[in-house]
Amino acid sequence: MNLFATDFVNSFKEMLKSVLTKAIHEILDEINDEEKFLLNRKEISAAIGCDPDTFDKSFRYLDGFPYHIKGNTECWNKKEVFEYLHKHKLIR
């Protein structure tokens, strides 16, 4: 015995598929947008106000220092880095 009519089930499937597809596209767009804000070593060093070697020695390898991997390359989100630096009282 079927509790739901076939039309209802098919309609529900299509609605669910549509909602999930939209949600997936929104998540992918957000991921792509975030990648636009990822800086390379030279760019994040300049944002902090130091040269890349000083960045490596003073910040890059700190425990919990935020970074992302894009392909095989480390990169940094400026907002995350500055939040980390403020939280750990490394800058004003």
N, C-alpha and C. Protein backbone atom coordinates (compact mmCIF):
# COMPACT_ATOMS: atom_id res chain seq x y z
N MET A 1 0.84 -1.18 0.00
CA MET A 1 0.00 0.00 0.00
C MET A 1 0.88 1.25 0.00
N ASN A 2 0.63 2.15 -0.93
CA ASN A 2 1.36 3.40 -1.05
C ASN A 2 0.69 4.48 -0.20
N LEU A 3 1.46 5.11 0.70
CA LEU A 3 0.89 6.17 1.53
C LEU A 3 0.77 7.47 0.76
N PHE A 4 1.64 7.69 -0.23
CA PHE A 4 1.64 8.94 -0.98
C PHE A 4 1.39 8.66 -2.45
N ALA A 5 0.71 9.58 -3.09
CA ALA A 5 0.45 9.45 -4.52
C ALA A 5 1.76 9.62 -5.29
N THR A 6 1.86 8.95 -6.42
CA THR A 6 3.06 9.01 -7.25
C THR A 6 3.37 10.44 -7.65
N ASP A 7 2.35 11.23 -7.99
CA ASP A 7 2.57 12.63 -8.37
C ASP A 7 3.21 13.42 -7.23
N PHE A 8 2.74 13.18 -6.01
CA PHE A 8 3.30 13.87 -4.85
C PHE A 8 4.77 13.50 -4.66
N VAL A 9 5.07 12.22 -4.74
CA VAL A 9 6.45 11.74 -4.56
C VAL A 9 7.36 12.33 -5.62
N ASN A 10 6.92 12.32 -6.87
CA ASN A 10 7.72 12.89 -7.96
C ASN A 10 7.92 14.38 -7.78
N SER A 11 6.87 15.07 -7.38
CA SER A 11 6.95 16.51 -7.14
C SER A 11 7.93 16.80 -6.00
N PHE A 12 7.85 16.01 -4.94
CA PHE A 12 8.75 16.18 -3.81
C PHE A 12 10.20 15.92 -4.21
N LYS A 13 10.43 14.89 -5.00
CA LYS A 13 11.78 14.59 -5.49
C LYS A 13 12.36 15.77 -6.26
N GLU A 14 11.56 16.34 -7.16
CA GLU A 14 12.02 17.47 -7.98
C GLU A 14 12.31 18.69 -7.11
N MET A 15 11.44 18.94 -6.13
CA MET A 15 11.65 20.08 -5.24
C MET A 15 12.93 19.88 -4.43
N LEU A 16 13.12 18.69 -3.89
CA LEU A 16 14.31 18.38 -3.11
C LEU A 16 15.57 18.50 -3.97
N LYS A 17 15.51 17.98 -5.17
CA LYS A 17 16.64 18.07 -6.10
C LYS A 17 16.98 19.53 -6.39
N SER A 18 15.96 20.35 -6.61
CA SER A 18 16.16 21.77 -6.90
C SER A 18 16.81 22.50 -5.71
N VAL A 19 16.31 22.24 -4.51
CA VAL A 19 16.84 22.90 -3.32
C VAL A 19 18.29 22.48 -3.07
N LEU A 20 18.57 21.19 -3.19
CA LEU A 20 19.94 20.70 -2.97
C LEU A 20 20.90 21.23 -4.03
N THR A 21 20.46 21.28 -5.28
CA THR A 21 21.30 21.81 -6.35
C THR A 21 21.65 23.27 -6.09
N LYS A 22 20.66 24.05 -5.67
CA LYS A 22 20.89 25.46 -5.36
C LYS A 22 21.88 25.60 -4.21
N ALA A 23 21.70 24.80 -3.16
CA ALA A 23 22.60 24.86 -2.00
C ALA A 23 24.03 24.50 -2.39
N ILE A 24 24.18 23.48 -3.21
CA ILE A 24 25.51 23.07 -3.66
C ILE A 24 26.18 24.17 -4.46
N HIS A 25 25.42 24.81 -5.35
CA HIS A 25 25.98 25.91 -6.15
C HIS A 25 26.39 27.08 -5.26
N GLU A 26 25.59 27.38 -4.24
CA GLU A 26 25.94 28.47 -3.33
C GLU A 26 27.23 28.16 -2.57
N ILE A 27 27.38 26.93 -2.13
CA ILE A 27 28.60 26.53 -1.42
C ILE A 27 29.81 26.62 -2.35
N LEU A 28 29.67 26.14 -3.57
CA LEU A 28 30.78 26.21 -4.53
C LEU A 28 31.15 27.65 -4.85
N ASP A 29 30.14 28.52 -5.00
CA ASP A 29 30.41 29.94 -5.25
C ASP A 29 31.16 30.56 -4.08
N GLU A 30 30.77 30.20 -2.87
CA GLU A 30 31.44 30.73 -1.68
C GLU A 30 32.90 30.27 -1.63
N ILE A 31 33.14 29.02 -1.96
CA ILE A 31 34.52 28.50 -2.00
C ILE A 31 35.33 29.25 -3.04
N ASN A 32 34.77 29.46 -4.22
CA ASN A 32 35.47 30.18 -5.28
C ASN A 32 35.74 31.62 -4.88
N ASP A 33 34.77 32.27 -4.20
CA ASP A 33 34.97 33.64 -3.74
C ASP A 33 36.11 33.71 -2.73
N GLU A 34 36.16 32.73 -1.82
CA GLU A 34 37.21 32.73 -0.81
C GLU A 34 38.58 32.61 -1.44
N GLU A 35 38.69 31.81 -2.50
CA GLU A 35 39.98 31.64 -3.16
C GLU A 35 40.49 32.94 -3.76
N LYS A 36 39.59 33.86 -4.10
CA LYS A 36 40.00 35.15 -4.65
C LYS A 36 40.75 35.97 -3.61
N PHE A 37 40.53 35.68 -2.33
CA PHE A 37 41.13 36.45 -1.26
C PHE A 37 42.37 35.79 -0.68
N LEU A 38 42.84 34.74 -1.33
CA LEU A 38 44.04 34.07 -0.85
C LEU A 38 45.28 34.75 -1.42
N LEU A 39 46.22 35.04 -0.55
CA LEU A 39 47.44 35.76 -0.94
C LEU A 39 48.63 34.81 -0.92
N ASN A 40 49.58 35.08 -1.81
CA ASN A 40 50.81 34.29 -1.80
C ASN A 40 51.75 34.83 -0.72
N ARG A 41 52.89 34.21 -0.56
CA ARG A 41 53.84 34.56 0.49
C ARG A 41 54.29 36.02 0.40
N LYS A 42 54.58 36.46 -0.78
CA LYS A 42 55.03 37.84 -0.98
C LYS A 42 53.92 38.83 -0.63
N GLU A 43 52.69 38.52 -1.05
CA GLU A 43 51.55 39.42 -0.80
C GLU A 43 51.20 39.49 0.68
N ILE A 44 51.19 38.34 1.38
CA ILE A 44 50.84 38.37 2.80
C ILE A 44 51.94 39.05 3.61
N SER A 45 53.19 38.88 3.18
CA SER A 45 54.30 39.57 3.85
C SER A 45 54.12 41.08 3.75
N ALA A 46 53.80 41.55 2.56
CA ALA A 46 53.59 42.99 2.35
C ALA A 46 52.41 43.48 3.18
N ALA A 47 51.35 42.69 3.28
CA ALA A 47 50.17 43.09 4.05
C ALA A 47 50.52 43.23 5.53
N ILE A 48 51.37 42.34 6.03
CA ILE A 48 51.80 42.40 7.43
C ILE A 48 52.80 43.53 7.63
N GLY A 49 53.56 43.84 6.59
CA GLY A 49 54.54 44.91 6.68
C GLY A 49 55.95 44.41 6.91
N CYS A 50 56.26 43.27 6.33
CA CYS A 50 57.62 42.74 6.46
C CYS A 50 58.02 42.08 5.15
N ASP A 51 59.28 41.69 5.06
CA ASP A 51 59.72 40.98 3.85
C ASP A 51 59.41 39.49 4.01
N PRO A 52 59.40 38.73 2.92
CA PRO A 52 59.05 37.30 2.99
C PRO A 52 59.92 36.48 3.94
N ASP A 53 61.22 36.80 4.04
CA ASP A 53 62.08 36.05 4.96
C ASP A 53 61.68 36.29 6.42
N THR A 54 61.36 37.54 6.75
CA THR A 54 60.90 37.85 8.11
C THR A 54 59.56 37.18 8.39
N PHE A 55 58.69 37.15 7.39
CA PHE A 55 57.42 36.45 7.53
C PHE A 55 57.66 34.99 7.88
N ASP A 56 58.59 34.36 7.15
CA ASP A 56 58.90 32.95 7.41
C ASP A 56 59.43 32.76 8.84
N LYS A 57 60.36 33.60 9.25
CA LYS A 57 61.00 33.45 10.55
C LYS A 57 60.06 33.80 11.71
N SER A 58 59.22 34.82 11.53
CA SER A 58 58.45 35.35 12.65
C SER A 58 57.00 34.87 12.74
N PHE A 59 56.41 34.50 11.61
CA PHE A 59 54.98 34.22 11.63
C PHE A 59 54.58 32.87 11.03
N ARG A 60 55.10 32.57 9.88
CA ARG A 60 54.61 31.46 9.05
C ARG A 60 54.48 30.14 9.79
N TYR A 61 55.43 29.84 10.64
CA TYR A 61 55.45 28.53 11.29
C TYR A 61 54.95 28.55 12.73
N LEU A 62 54.28 29.63 13.12
CA LEU A 62 53.70 29.68 14.45
C LEU A 62 52.59 28.64 14.57
N ASP A 63 52.45 28.08 15.75
CA ASP A 63 51.42 27.07 15.99
C ASP A 63 50.03 27.66 15.72
N GLY A 64 49.30 27.03 14.83
CA GLY A 64 47.95 27.47 14.53
C GLY A 64 47.84 28.61 13.53
N PHE A 65 48.98 29.06 13.00
CA PHE A 65 48.93 30.16 12.03
C PHE A 65 48.10 29.71 10.82
N PRO A 66 47.08 30.50 10.46
CA PRO A 66 46.14 30.06 9.42
C PRO A 66 46.75 30.09 8.01
N TYR A 67 46.50 29.03 7.28
CA TYR A 67 46.94 28.96 5.89
C TYR A 67 46.01 28.03 5.12
N HIS A 68 46.10 28.10 3.81
CA HIS A 68 45.32 27.24 2.92
C HIS A 68 46.28 26.64 1.91
N ILE A 69 45.90 25.52 1.36
CA ILE A 69 46.67 24.91 0.28
C ILE A 69 45.85 25.05 -0.99
N LYS A 70 46.43 25.70 -1.98
CA LYS A 70 45.79 25.87 -3.28
C LYS A 70 46.69 25.16 -4.29
N GLY A 71 46.24 24.02 -4.76
CA GLY A 71 47.12 23.18 -5.58
C GLY A 71 48.18 22.60 -4.66
N ASN A 72 49.43 22.93 -4.93
CA ASN A 72 50.54 22.50 -4.07
C ASN A 72 51.17 23.68 -3.34
N THR A 73 50.48 24.82 -3.34
CA THR A 73 51.06 26.04 -2.82
C THR A 73 50.34 26.51 -1.56
N GLU A 74 51.11 26.93 -0.56
CA GLU A 74 50.52 27.55 0.62
C GLU A 74 50.08 28.96 0.27
N CYS A 75 48.94 29.36 0.79
CA CYS A 75 48.48 30.73 0.63
C CYS A 75 47.71 31.13 1.89
N TRP A 76 47.46 32.43 2.03
CA TRP A 76 46.92 32.95 3.26
C TRP A 76 45.76 33.89 2.99
N ASN A 77 44.76 33.81 3.85
CA ASN A 77 43.63 34.72 3.81
C ASN A 77 43.97 35.88 4.74
N LYS A 78 44.00 37.09 4.19
CA LYS A 78 44.43 38.26 4.94
C LYS A 78 43.61 38.45 6.22
N LYS A 79 42.30 38.30 6.11
CA LYS A 79 41.43 38.48 7.28
C LYS A 79 41.77 37.47 8.38
N GLU A 80 41.94 36.22 8.00
CA GLU A 80 42.27 35.18 8.99
C GLU A 80 43.62 35.45 9.65
N VAL A 81 44.58 35.88 8.86
CA VAL A 81 45.92 36.16 9.39
C VAL A 81 45.86 37.31 10.39
N PHE A 82 45.17 38.40 10.03
CA PHE A 82 45.10 39.54 10.94
C PHE A 82 44.31 39.21 12.20
N GLU A 83 43.27 38.39 12.08
CA GLU A 83 42.53 37.94 13.27
C GLU A 83 43.45 37.13 14.18
N TYR A 84 44.26 36.25 13.60
CA TYR A 84 45.21 35.45 14.37
C TYR A 84 46.22 36.36 15.08
N LEU A 85 46.77 37.31 14.34
CA LEU A 85 47.78 38.20 14.90
C LEU A 85 47.21 39.04 16.04
N HIS A 86 45.99 39.53 15.87
CA HIS A 86 45.35 40.31 16.94
C HIS A 86 45.05 39.42 18.16
N LYS A 87 44.52 38.24 17.91
CA LYS A 87 44.17 37.31 18.99
C LYS A 87 45.40 36.94 19.82
N HIS A 88 46.51 36.77 19.15
CA HIS A 88 47.74 36.38 19.84
C HIS A 88 48.62 37.58 20.20
N LYS A 89 48.02 38.77 20.07
CA LYS A 89 48.68 40.03 20.46
C LYS A 89 50.04 40.22 19.80
N LEU A 90 50.11 39.85 18.52
CA LEU A 90 51.35 40.01 17.78
C LEU A 90 51.38 41.34 17.02
N ILE A 91 50.20 41.95 16.85
CA ILE A 91 50.11 43.30 16.28
C ILE A 91 48.97 44.01 16.98
N ARG A 92 48.92 45.33 16.82
CA ARG A 92 47.84 46.11 17.43
C ARG A 92 46.66 46.17 16.52
